[in-house]
C-alpha atoms as a PDB file:
ATOM      1  CA  MET A   1      30.483  10.302  -6.317  1.00  0.00           C
ATOM      2  CA  ASN A   2      27.634  10.750  -8.727  1.00  0.00           C
ATOM      3  CA  THR A   3      27.293   8.003 -11.450  1.00  0.00           C
ATOM      4  CA  PRO A   4      27.807   9.424 -15.084  1.00  0.00           C
ATOM      5  CA  ALA A   5      24.514   9.519 -16.906  1.00  0.00           C
ATOM      6  CA  HIS A   6      25.735   7.181 -19.516  1.00  0.00           C
ATOM      7  CA  ASP A   7      26.418   4.510 -16.843  1.00  0.00           C
ATOM      8  CA  LEU A   8      22.972   4.621 -15.425  1.00  0.00           C
ATOM      9  CA  PRO A   9      20.798   1.603 -16.282  1.00  0.00           C
ATOM     10  CA  PRO A  10      18.089   2.068 -18.838  1.00  0.00           C
ATOM     11  CA  VAL A  11      14.531   1.877 -17.326  1.00  0.00           C
ATOM     12  CA  THR A  12      11.138   1.120 -18.850  1.00  0.00           C
ATOM     13  CA  VAL A  13       7.981   2.297 -17.146  1.00  0.00           C
ATOM     14  CA  ILE A  14       4.691   0.750 -18.279  1.00  0.00           C
ATOM     15  CA  GLY A  15       1.474   2.416 -17.121  1.00  0.00           C
ATOM     16  CA  LEU A  16       1.263   6.185 -17.158  1.00  0.00           C
ATOM     17  CA  GLY A  17      -1.438   7.125 -14.710  1.00  0.00           C
ATOM     18  CA  ALA A  18      -0.686   9.683 -12.118  1.00  0.00           C
ATOM     19  CA  MET A  19       1.666   7.442 -10.224  1.00  0.00           C
ATOM     20  CA  GLY A  20       3.434   5.885 -13.310  1.00  0.00           C
ATOM     21  CA  THR A  21       3.969   9.441 -14.594  1.00  0.00           C
ATOM     22  CA  ALA A  22       5.552  10.475 -11.420  1.00  0.00           C
ATOM     23  CA  LEU A  23       7.878   7.289 -11.572  1.00  0.00           C
ATOM     24  CA  ALA A  24       8.965   8.031 -15.087  1.00  0.00           C
ATOM     25  CA  ALA A  25       9.509  11.697 -14.398  1.00  0.00           C
ATOM     26  CA  ALA A  26      11.801  10.736 -11.362  1.00  0.00           C
ATOM     27  CA  PHE A  27      13.959   8.488 -13.508  1.00  0.00           C
ATOM     28  CA  ILE A  28      14.278  11.109 -16.230  1.00  0.00           C
ATOM     29  CA  ALA A  29      15.215  13.718 -13.635  1.00  0.00           C
ATOM     30  CA  ALA A  30      17.868  11.283 -12.206  1.00  0.00           C
ATOM     31  CA  GLY A  31      19.446  10.808 -15.642  1.00  0.00           C
ATOM     32  CA  HIS A  32      18.214   7.353 -16.359  1.00  0.00           C
ATOM     33  CA  PRO A  33      17.559   6.563 -20.064  1.00  0.00           C
ATOM     34  CA  THR A  34      13.744   6.249 -19.720  1.00  0.00           C
ATOM     35  CA  THR A  35      11.294   4.393 -22.079  1.00  0.00           C
ATOM     36  CA  VAL A  36       7.626   4.670 -21.513  1.00  0.00           C
ATOM     37  CA  TRP A  37       4.522   2.973 -22.717  1.00  0.00           C
ATOM     38  CA  ASN A  38       0.772   3.356 -22.121  1.00  0.00           C
ATOM     39  CA  ARG A  39      -2.314   2.085 -23.828  1.00  0.00           C
ATOM     40  CA  SER A  40      -3.240   5.678 -24.390  1.00  0.00           C
ATOM     41  CA  ALA A  41      -0.243   7.064 -26.187  1.00  0.00           C
ATOM     42  CA  ALA A  42      -1.161  10.632 -25.545  1.00  0.00           C
ATOM     43  CA  LYS A  43      -0.197  10.240 -21.887  1.00  0.00           C
ATOM     44  CA  ALA A  44       3.382   9.767 -22.930  1.00  0.00           C
ATOM     45  CA  ALA A  45       3.694  13.116 -24.584  1.00  0.00           C
ATOM     46  CA  PRO A  46       4.629  15.259 -21.478  1.00  0.00           C
ATOM     47  CA  LEU A  47       7.313  12.722 -20.572  1.00  0.00           C
ATOM     48  CA  VAL A  48       8.727  12.743 -24.104  1.00  0.00           C
ATOM     49  CA  THR A  49       9.291  16.579 -23.776  1.00  0.00           C
ATOM     50  CA  LYS A  50      11.311  15.869 -20.640  1.00  0.00           C
ATOM     51  CA  GLY A  51      13.517  13.405 -22.481  1.00  0.00           C
ATOM     52  CA  ALA A  52      11.665  10.013 -22.273  1.00  0.00           C
ATOM     53  CA  ARG A  53      11.452   7.746 -25.403  1.00  0.00           C
ATOM     54  CA  HIS A  54       8.060   6.431 -26.280  1.00  0.00           C
ATOM     55  CA  ALA A  55       7.759   2.916 -27.362  1.00  0.00           C
ATOM     56  CA  ALA A  56       5.045   2.204 -29.883  1.00  0.00           C
ATOM     57  CA  THR A  57       4.505  -1.356 -28.757  1.00  0.00           C
ATOM     58  CA  ILE A  58       4.714  -3.250 -25.401  1.00  0.00           C
ATOM     59  CA  GLU A  59       7.331  -5.540 -27.045  1.00  0.00           C
ATOM     60  CA  GLU A  60       9.449  -2.520 -27.969  1.00  0.00           C
ATOM     61  CA  ALA A  61       9.170  -1.085 -24.402  1.00  0.00           C
ATOM     62  CA  VAL A  62      10.165  -4.196 -22.721  1.00  0.00           C
ATOM     63  CA  ALA A  63      13.092  -4.808 -25.060  1.00  0.00           C
ATOM     64  CA  ALA A  64      14.319  -1.283 -24.418  1.00  0.00           C
ATOM     65  CA  GLY A  65      16.274  -2.091 -21.210  1.00  0.00           C
ATOM     66  CA  PRO A  66      17.113  -4.493 -18.478  1.00  0.00           C
ATOM     67  CA  LEU A  67      14.651  -3.150 -15.872  1.00  0.00           C
ATOM     68  CA  VAL A  68      10.819  -2.984 -16.553  1.00  0.00           C
ATOM     69  CA  ILE A  69       8.678  -1.237 -13.930  1.00  0.00           C
ATOM     70  CA  THR A  70       4.918  -1.701 -14.250  1.00  0.00           C
ATOM     71  CA  CYS A  71       2.439   0.601 -12.523  1.00  0.00           C
ATOM     72  CA  LEU A  72      -0.933  -0.693 -13.464  1.00  0.00           C
ATOM     73  CA  THR A  73      -4.035  -1.407 -11.442  1.00  0.00           C
ATOM     74  CA  THR A  74      -3.696  -5.137 -10.600  1.00  0.00           C
ATOM     75  CA  TYR A  75      -1.565  -8.184 -11.192  1.00  0.00           C
ATOM     76  CA  ASP A  76      -4.001  -9.515 -13.666  1.00  0.00           C
ATOM     77  CA  ALA A  77      -3.876  -6.219 -15.686  1.00  0.00           C
ATOM     78  CA  THR A  78      -0.066  -6.371 -15.564  1.00  0.00           C
ATOM     79  CA  ARG A  79      -0.018  -9.882 -16.975  1.00  0.00           C
ATOM     80  CA  GLU A  80      -2.596  -8.943 -19.619  1.00  0.00           C
ATOM     81  CA  VAL A  81      -0.611  -5.975 -20.838  1.00  0.00           C
ATOM     82  CA  LEU A  82       2.784  -7.831 -20.793  1.00  0.00           C
ATOM     83  CA  GLN A  83       1.426 -10.950 -22.596  1.00  0.00           C
ATOM     84  CA  PRO A  84       2.436  -9.790 -26.181  1.00  0.00           C
ATOM     85  CA  ALA A  85       5.906  -9.100 -24.859  1.00  0.00           C
ATOM     86  CA  ALA A  86       5.881 -12.602 -23.302  1.00  0.00           C
ATOM     87  CA  THR A  87       4.685 -14.217 -26.550  1.00  0.00           C
ATOM     88  CA  ALA A  88       7.544 -12.427 -28.266  1.00  0.00           C
ATOM     89  CA  ALA A  89      10.043 -13.709 -25.701  1.00  0.00           C
ATOM     90  CA  ALA A  90      10.939 -10.127 -24.946  1.00  0.00           C
ATOM     91  CA  LEU A  91      10.831 -10.565 -21.097  1.00  0.00           C
ATOM     92  CA  ALA A  92      13.586 -13.162 -21.045  1.00  0.00           C
ATOM     93  CA  GLY A  93      16.596 -11.922 -19.213  1.00  0.00           C
ATOM     94  CA  ARG A  94      14.715  -8.847 -17.867  1.00  0.00           C
ATOM     95  CA  THR A  95      13.918  -7.859 -14.435  1.00  0.00           C
ATOM     96  CA  LEU A  96      10.219  -7.049 -13.759  1.00  0.00           C
ATOM     97  CA  VAL A  97       9.262  -4.812 -10.919  1.00  0.00           C
ATOM     98  CA  THR A  98       5.525  -4.397 -10.202  1.00  0.00           C
ATOM     99  CA  LEU A  99       4.155  -1.466  -8.279  1.00  0.00           C
ATOM    100  CA  ASN A 100       0.381  -1.977  -8.030  1.00  0.00           C
ATOM    101  CA  THR A 101      -2.078  -3.164  -5.430  1.00  0.00           C
ATOM    102  CA  GLY A 102      -3.409  -6.713  -5.092  1.00  0.00           C
ATOM    103  CA  THR A 103      -3.234  -9.831  -2.957  1.00  0.00           C
ATOM    104  CA  PRO A 104      -0.180 -11.951  -1.888  1.00  0.00           C
ATOM    105  CA  GLU A 105      -1.618 -14.710  -3.893  1.00  0.00           C
ATOM    106  CA  GLY A 106      -1.720 -12.448  -6.917  1.00  0.00           C
ATOM    107  CA  ALA A 107       1.861 -11.473  -6.476  1.00  0.00           C
ATOM    108  CA  ARG A 108       2.954 -15.138  -6.139  1.00  0.00           C
ATOM    109  CA  GLN A 109       1.118 -16.032  -9.326  1.00  0.00           C
ATOM    110  CA  LEU A 110       2.571 -13.274 -11.258  1.00  0.00           C
ATOM    111  CA  ALA A 111       6.050 -14.083  -9.950  1.00  0.00           C
ATOM    112  CA  GLY A 112       5.671 -17.558 -11.151  1.00  0.00           C
ATOM    113  CA  TRP A 113       4.454 -16.379 -14.634  1.00  0.00           C
ATOM    114  CA  ALA A 114       7.520 -14.061 -14.873  1.00  0.00           C
ATOM    115  CA  LYS A 115       9.761 -16.822 -14.012  1.00  0.00           C
ATOM    116  CA  ALA A 116       8.220 -18.945 -16.701  1.00  0.00           C
ATOM    117  CA  GLN A 117       8.991 -16.103 -19.271  1.00  0.00           C
ATOM    118  CA  GLY A 118      12.670 -16.080 -18.098  1.00  0.00           C
ATOM    119  CA  ALA A 119      12.308 -12.891 -16.185  1.00  0.00           C
ATOM    120  CA  ARG A 120      13.428 -12.103 -12.534  1.00  0.00           C
ATOM    121  CA  PHE A 121      10.790 -10.460 -10.351  1.00  0.00           C
ATOM    122  CA  LEU A 122      10.419  -8.041  -7.578  1.00  0.00           C
ATOM    123  CA  GLY A 123       7.039  -7.204  -6.108  1.00  0.00           C
ATOM    124  CA  GLY A 124       6.900  -3.696  -4.757  1.00  0.00           C
ATOM    125  CA  ALA A 125       4.588  -1.052  -3.226  1.00  0.00           C
ATOM    126  CA  ILE A 126       4.629   2.673  -2.857  1.00  0.00           C
ATOM    127  CA  LYS A 127       3.316   4.046   0.416  1.00  0.00           C
ATOM    128  CA  ASN A 128       2.691   7.639  -0.620  1.00  0.00           C
ATOM    129  CA  VAL A 129       1.077   9.803  -3.231  1.00  0.00           C
ATOM    130  CA  PRO A 130       2.505  10.690  -6.692  1.00  0.00           C
ATOM    131  CA  PRO A 131       3.829  14.094  -5.655  1.00  0.00           C
ATOM    132  CA  ALA A 132       5.967  12.361  -3.065  1.00  0.00           C
ATOM    133  CA  VAL A 133       7.894  10.230  -5.592  1.00  0.00           C
ATOM    134  CA  GLY A 134      11.537  10.888  -5.524  1.00  0.00           C
ATOM    135  CA  LYS A 135      11.588  12.459  -2.039  1.00  0.00           C
ATOM    136  CA  PRO A 136      14.081  11.318   0.666  1.00  0.00           C
ATOM    137  CA  ASP A 137      11.461  10.135   3.063  1.00  0.00           C
ATOM    138  CA  THR A 138       9.158   8.396   0.632  1.00  0.00           C
ATOM    139  CA  LEU A 139       8.627   4.688   1.499  1.00  0.00           C
ATOM    140  CA  LEU A 140       8.710   1.912  -1.045  1.00  0.00           C
ATOM    141  CA  TYR A 141       9.151  -1.738  -0.145  1.00  0.00           C
ATOM    142  CA  TYR A 142       9.906  -4.822  -2.157  1.00  0.00           C
ATOM    143  CA  GLY A 143       9.747  -8.555  -1.883  1.00  0.00           C
ATOM    144  CA  GLY A 144      11.751 -11.050  -3.997  1.00  0.00           C
ATOM    145  CA  ASP A 145      15.244 -12.284  -4.547  1.00  0.00           C
ATOM    146  CA  LYS A 146      17.711 -10.162  -2.495  1.00  0.00           C
ATOM    147  CA  ALA A 147      20.367 -10.432  -5.285  1.00  0.00           C
ATOM    148  CA  VAL A 148      17.979  -8.835  -7.776  1.00  0.00           C
ATOM    149  CA  PHE A 149      17.135  -6.066  -5.239  1.00  0.00           C
ATOM    150  CA  ASP A 150      20.809  -5.456  -4.670  1.00  0.00           C
ATOM    151  CA  THR A 151      21.394  -5.166  -8.392  1.00  0.00           C
ATOM    152  CA  TYR A 152      18.870  -2.398  -8.820  1.00  0.00           C
ATOM    153  CA  GLU A 153      18.706  -0.847  -5.269  1.00  0.00           C
ATOM    154  CA  ALA A 154      20.381   2.396  -6.285  1.00  0.00           C
ATOM    155  CA  THR A 155      18.064   2.766  -9.349  1.00  0.00           C
ATOM    156  CA  LEU A 156      14.961   1.945  -7.174  1.00  0.00           C
ATOM    157  CA  ARG A 157      15.991   4.486  -4.619  1.00  0.00           C
ATOM    158  CA  VAL A 158      15.461   7.196  -7.097  1.00  0.00           C
ATOM    159  CA  LEU A 159      11.774   6.783  -6.477  1.00  0.00           C
ATOM    160  CA  GLY A 160      12.009   7.254  -2.768  1.00  0.00           C
ATOM    161  CA  GLY A 161      14.779   7.495  -0.151  1.00  0.00           C
ATOM    162  CA  ASP A 162      13.115   5.038   2.219  1.00  0.00           C
ATOM    163  CA  THR A 163      13.491   1.932   0.102  1.00  0.00           C
ATOM    164  CA  VAL A 164      13.260  -1.316   1.839  1.00  0.00           C
ATOM    165  CA  HIS A 165      13.835  -5.003   1.028  1.00  0.00           C
ATOM    166  CA  LEU A 166      11.336  -6.994   3.027  1.00  0.00           C
ATOM    167  CA  GLY A 167      12.667 -10.582   2.245  1.00  0.00           C
ATOM    168  CA  ASP A 168      13.058 -13.123  -0.453  1.00  0.00           C
ATOM    169  CA  GLU A 169       9.325 -14.055  -0.798  1.00  0.00           C
ATOM    170  CA  PRO A 170       7.867 -12.406  -3.831  1.00  0.00           C
ATOM    171  CA  ASP A 171       4.421 -11.560  -2.090  1.00  0.00           C
ATOM    172  CA  LEU A 172       5.871  -9.731   0.911  1.00  0.00           C
ATOM    173  CA  ALA A 173       5.219  -6.258  -0.448  1.00  0.00           C
ATOM    174  CA  ALA A 174       1.536  -7.236  -1.244  1.00  0.00           C
ATOM    175  CA  LEU A 175       1.200  -8.694   2.238  1.00  0.00           C
ATOM    176  CA  TYR A 176       2.515  -5.549   3.879  1.00  0.00           C
ATOM    177  CA  GLU A 177       0.526  -3.323   1.489  1.00  0.00           C
ATOM    178  CA  GLN A 178      -2.585  -4.945   2.563  1.00  0.00           C
ATOM    179  CA  ALA A 179      -1.505  -5.215   6.240  1.00  0.00           C
ATOM    180  CA  VAL A 180      -0.714  -1.454   6.337  1.00  0.00           C
ATOM    181  CA  GLY A 181      -3.276  -0.274   3.866  1.00  0.00           C
ATOM    182  CA  GLY A 182      -6.100  -1.660   6.005  1.00  0.00           C
ATOM    183  CA  LEU A 183      -5.673   1.355   8.380  1.00  0.00           C
ATOM    184  CA  LEU A 184      -6.463   3.944   5.674  1.00  0.00           C
ATOM    185  CA  LEU A 185     -10.169   3.820   5.212  1.00  0.00           C
ATOM    186  CA  PRO A 186     -11.184   3.296   8.891  1.00  0.00           C
ATOM    187  CA  ALA A 187      -8.864   6.352   9.818  1.00  0.00           C
ATOM    188  CA  LEU A 188     -10.313   8.503   6.972  1.00  0.00           C
ATOM    189  CA  LEU A 189     -13.764   7.509   8.093  1.00  0.00           C
ATOM    190  CA  GLY A 190     -13.128   8.507  11.540  1.00  0.00           C
ATOM    191  CA  PHE A 191     -12.052  11.871  10.245  1.00  0.00           C
ATOM    192  CA  PHE A 192     -14.999  12.260   7.980  1.00  0.00           C
ATOM    193  CA  GLN A 193     -17.271  11.414  10.891  1.00  0.00           C
ATOM    194  CA  GLY A 194     -15.721  14.102  13.054  1.00  0.00           C
ATOM    195  CA  ALA A 195     -16.044  16.510  10.241  1.00  0.00           C
ATOM    196  CA  ALA A 196     -19.757  15.664   9.840  1.00  0.00           C
ATOM    197  CA  LEU A 197     -20.136  16.386  13.505  1.00  0.00           C
ATOM    198  CA  VAL A 198     -18.467  19.692  13.779  1.00  0.00           C
ATOM    199  CA  THR A 199     -19.849  21.087  10.353  1.00  0.00           C
ATOM    200  CA  ALA A 200     -23.310  20.189  11.492  1.00  0.00           C
ATOM    201  CA  ARG A 201     -22.580  22.709  14.264  1.00  0.00           C
ATOM    202  CA  GLY A 202     -21.561  25.399  11.753  1.00  0.00           C
ATOM    203  CA  ARG A 203     -17.802  24.824  12.362  1.00  0.00           C
ATOM    204  CA  LYS A 204     -15.170  24.285   9.802  1.00  0.00           C
ATOM    205  CA  ALA A 205     -13.627  20.816   9.231  1.00  0.00           C
ATOM    206  CA  ALA A 206     -10.159  22.518   9.151  1.00  0.00           C
ATOM    207  CA  THR A 207     -10.651  23.156  12.919  1.00  0.00           C
ATOM    208  CA  LEU A 208     -10.209  19.319  13.432  1.00  0.00           C
ATOM    209  CA  VAL A 209      -6.875  19.020  11.651  1.00  0.00           C
ATOM    210  CA  ARG A 210      -4.654  20.103  14.526  1.00  0.00           C
ATOM    211  CA  TYR A 211      -6.248  17.940  17.052  1.00  0.00           C
ATOM    212  CA  THR A 212      -6.670  14.933  14.827  1.00  0.00           C
ATOM    213  CA  THR A 213      -2.982  15.005  13.989  1.00  0.00           C
ATOM    214  CA  LYS A 214      -2.134  15.042  17.776  1.00  0.00           C
ATOM    215  CA  TRP A 215      -4.463  12.097  18.222  1.00  0.00           C
ATOM    216  CA  LEU A 216      -2.839  10.119  15.369  1.00  0.00           C
ATOM    217  CA  GLU A 217       0.640  10.991  16.852  1.00  0.00           C
ATOM    218  CA  MET A 218      -0.548   9.573  20.150  1.00  0.00           C
ATOM    219  CA  ILE A 219      -1.735   6.362  18.502  1.00  0.00           C
ATOM    220  CA  ALA A 220       1.551   6.047  16.651  1.00  0.00           C
ATOM    221  CA  SER A 221       3.394   6.370  19.954  1.00  0.00           C
ATOM    222  CA  GLU A 222       1.485   3.315  21.218  1.00  0.00           C
ATOM    223  CA  LEU A 223       2.061   1.018  18.346  1.00  0.00           C
ATOM    224  CA  PRO A 224       5.422  -0.348  19.501  1.00  0.00           C
ATOM    225  CA  ALA A 225       4.080  -1.505  22.897  1.00  0.00           C
ATOM    226  CA  MET A 226       0.994  -2.924  21.226  1.00  0.00           C
ATOM    227  CA  ALA A 227       3.073  -4.801  18.639  1.00  0.00           C
ATOM    228  CA  ASP A 228       5.180  -6.211  21.611  1.00  0.00           C
ATOM    229  CA  GLU A 229       1.913  -7.444  23.408  1.00  0.00           C
ATOM    230  CA  ILE A 230       0.750  -9.105  20.148  1.00  0.00           C
ATOM    231  CA  ASP A 231       4.150 -10.714  19.395  1.00  0.00           C
ATOM    232  CA  ASN A 232       4.453 -12.066  23.032  1.00  0.00           C
ATOM    233  CA  GLY A 233       0.738 -13.119  23.157  1.00  0.00           C
ATOM    234  CA  ASP A 234       0.563 -11.380  26.566  1.00  0.00           C
ATOM    235  CA  TYR A 235      -2.646  -9.326  26.929  1.00  0.00           C
ATOM    236  CA  THR A 236      -2.678  -9.167  30.798  1.00  0.00           C
ATOM    237  CA  ARG A 237      -1.153  -5.780  31.336  1.00  0.00           C
ATOM    238  CA  PRO A 238      -3.554  -3.490  29.585  1.00  0.00           C
ATOM    239  CA  ARG A 239      -3.293   0.195  29.039  1.00  0.00           C
ATOM    240  CA  ALA A 240      -6.961  -0.096  27.876  1.00  0.00           C
ATOM    241  CA  THR A 241      -9.115  -3.174  27.964  1.00  0.00           C
ATOM    242  CA  VAL A 242     -11.510  -4.611  25.534  1.00  0.00           C
ATOM    243  CA  GLY A 243     -14.211  -3.932  28.227  1.00  0.00           C
ATOM    244  CA  ILE A 244     -13.458  -0.138  28.199  1.00  0.00           C
ATOM    245  CA  PHE A 245     -13.984  -0.027  24.454  1.00  0.00           C
ATOM    246  CA  HIS A 246     -17.087  -2.140  24.708  1.00  0.00           C
ATOM    247  CA  GLN A 247     -18.629   0.188  27.146  1.00  0.00           C
ATOM    248  CA  GLY A 248     -18.051   3.037  24.757  1.00  0.00           C
ATOM    249  CA  ILE A 249     -20.664   1.418  22.285  1.00  0.00           C
ATOM    250  CA  ALA A 250     -23.495   3.118  24.241  1.00  0.00           C
ATOM    251  CA  ASN A 251     -21.981   6.521  23.937  1.00  0.00           C
ATOM    252  CA  GLU A 252     -21.520   6.037  20.191  1.00  0.00           C
ATOM    253  CA  LEU A 253     -25.207   4.991  19.657  1.00  0.00           C
ATOM    254  CA  GLU A 254     -26.468   7.943  21.836  1.00  0.00           C
ATOM    255  CA  LEU A 255     -24.204  10.374  19.813  1.00  0.00           C
ATOM    256  CA  GLU A 256     -25.566   8.908  16.571  1.00  0.00           C
ATOM    257  CA  ARG A 257     -29.077   9.672  17.640  1.00  0.00           C
ATOM    258  CA  GLU A 258     -28.222  13.147  18.954  1.00  0.00           C
ATOM    259  CA  ALA A 259     -26.241  14.249  15.814  1.00  0.00           C
ATOM    260  CA  ASP A 260     -28.450  12.465  13.392  1.00  0.00           C
ATOM    261  CA  ILE A 261     -25.260  11.089  11.622  1.00  0.00           C
ATOM    262  CA  ASP A 262     -24.893   7.557  10.137  1.00  0.00           C
ATOM    263  CA  PHE A 263     -22.542   5.573  12.337  1.00  0.00           C
ATOM    264  CA  SER A 264     -23.402   2.227  10.876  1.00  0.00           C
ATOM    265  CA  TRP A 265     -19.815   1.733   9.751  1.00  0.00           C
ATOM    266  CA  HIS A 266     -19.112   1.111  13.462  1.00  0.00           C
ATOM    267  CA  LEU A 267     -21.344  -2.032  13.588  1.00  0.00           C
ATOM    268  CA  PRO A 268     -18.731  -4.597  12.528  1.00  0.00           C
ATOM    269  CA  MET A 269     -16.401  -3.263  15.156  1.00  0.00           C
ATOM    270  CA  HIS A 270     -19.136  -3.499  17.752  1.00  0.00           C
ATOM    271  CA  ALA A 271     -19.665  -7.111  16.697  1.00  0.00           C
ATOM    272  CA  LEU A 272     -15.916  -7.649  17.063  1.00  0.00           C
ATOM    273  CA  LEU A 273     -15.845  -6.383  20.569  1.00  0.00           C
ATOM    274  CA  GLU A 274     -18.946  -8.362  21.510  1.00  0.00           C
ATOM    275  CA  GLN A 275     -17.197 -11.523  20.282  1.00  0.00           C
ATOM    276  CA  ALA A 276     -14.021 -10.616  22.132  1.00  0.00           C
ATOM    277  CA  ILE A 277     -16.137 -10.421  25.284  1.00  0.00           C
ATOM    278  CA  ALA A 278     -17.590 -13.724  24.600  1.00  0.00           C
ATOM    279  CA  ASP A 279     -14.040 -15.117  23.983  1.00  0.00           C
ATOM    280  CA  GLY A 280     -13.131 -14.130  27.584  1.00  0.00           C
ATOM    281  CA  HIS A 281     -11.089 -10.923  26.720  1.00  0.00           C
ATOM    282  CA  ARG A 282     -13.189  -8.389  28.627  1.00  0.00           C
ATOM    283  CA  ASP A 283     -10.234  -7.550  30.978  1.00  0.00           C
ATOM    284  CA  HIS A 284      -7.474  -8.166  28.495  1.00  0.00           C
ATOM    285  CA  SER A 285      -5.750  -5.382  26.519  1.00  0.00           C
ATOM    286  CA  ILE A 286      -7.505  -4.133  23.503  1.00  0.00           C
ATOM    287  CA  THR A 287      -4.740  -5.853  21.484  1.00  0.00           C
ATOM    288  CA  ALA A 288      -6.387  -9.097  22.393  1.00  0.00           C
ATOM    289  CA  LEU A 289      -8.765  -8.286  19.464  1.00  0.00           C
ATOM    290  CA  VAL A 290      -6.002  -9.875  17.254  1.00  0.00           C
ATOM    291  CA  GLU A 291      -6.927 -13.302  18.714  1.00  0.00           C
ATOM    292  CA  THR A 292     -10.603 -12.821  17.771  1.00  0.00           C
ATOM    293  CA  LEU A 293      -9.633 -11.587  14.290  1.00  0.00           C
ATOM    294  CA  ARG A 294      -7.555 -14.898  13.918  1.00  0.00           C
ATOM    295  CA  SER A 295     -10.630 -16.845  14.704  1.00  0.00           C
ATOM    296  CA  PRO A 296     -13.594 -15.274  12.889  1.00  0.00           C
ATOM    297  CA  LYS A 297     -16.949 -16.554  13.717  1.00  0.00           C
ATOM    298  CA  ARG A 298     -18.187 -15.582  10.182  1.00  0.00           C
ATOM    299  CA  ARG A 299     -21.277 -13.678  11.327  1.00  0.00           C
ATOM    300  CA  PRO A 300     -22.867 -11.447   8.636  1.00  0.00           C
ATOM    301  CA  ALA A 301     -21.371  -7.979   8.418  1.00  0.00           C
ATOM    302  CA  GLY A 302     -22.920  -5.481  10.850  1.00  0.00           C
ATOM    303  CA  GLU A 303     -24.549  -8.093  13.062  1.00  0.00           C
ATOM    304  CA  VAL A 304     -24.154  -7.368  16.834  1.00  0.00           C
ATOM    305  CA  ASN A 305     -24.904 -10.035  19.450  1.00  0.00           C
ATOM    306  CA  GLY A 306     -27.693  -9.309  21.917  1.00  0.00           C
END
């Protein structure tokens, strides 16, 4: 049974970049009384036409409802923006949900600051792009007091159907954001490198998409087995060894010369493979690189042994 609009909790969204605007629009569409605030007031105008209320000050925005969602660049930026509201004691009794990037330490610090202001805290992360906000398969995860999450789970689920509570520690979303997000740039660089190779031959980058997608699906299918090896610490039954990947370095260097394309972003990976060999992992599964990553030798970036 649908909740009547007048029973839906009011929501405040602070920060109206592309993502913050999408968040506010989703709440408006779902019928939540929505207050918005942004340093540049002009960004609020399109949302006001959809039914949002524009708060003139940050104190007014925070006081407008029990749930305050911030979508700013960093934890430091969030605290800076909210400081006037904290000084006015407007945060007391509110629930603060942050949806920004940053380190686990930053999340812990902001959670402590929010507690000192009398506010409850959930640290969150959105694992998708603004147009995906509100869709059934859009993933958002949160760390913090489970009771707080339970109170607002239905409201938060407006932003994405795949809404997950990771645990009571307030920094878990930041931890997983960094752990999962580390895959993005290397994966994109791999695609961009491939695009540079095929476009240099007069072919379209679009011709890569089908094959790259299949390759990524294969990698995804291997992740459960790889995670099991890492969790068990058993690298002795490899599908592919560290040594096999190490042997591929020569092919990469030859291709770099042949295609006249910059492969230097591979050098830290080459160094990691060299160190894993030195650590005795040549015949172990490639997942044994986790052990080398856990014990960095602090060599300069890009340096390769030998």
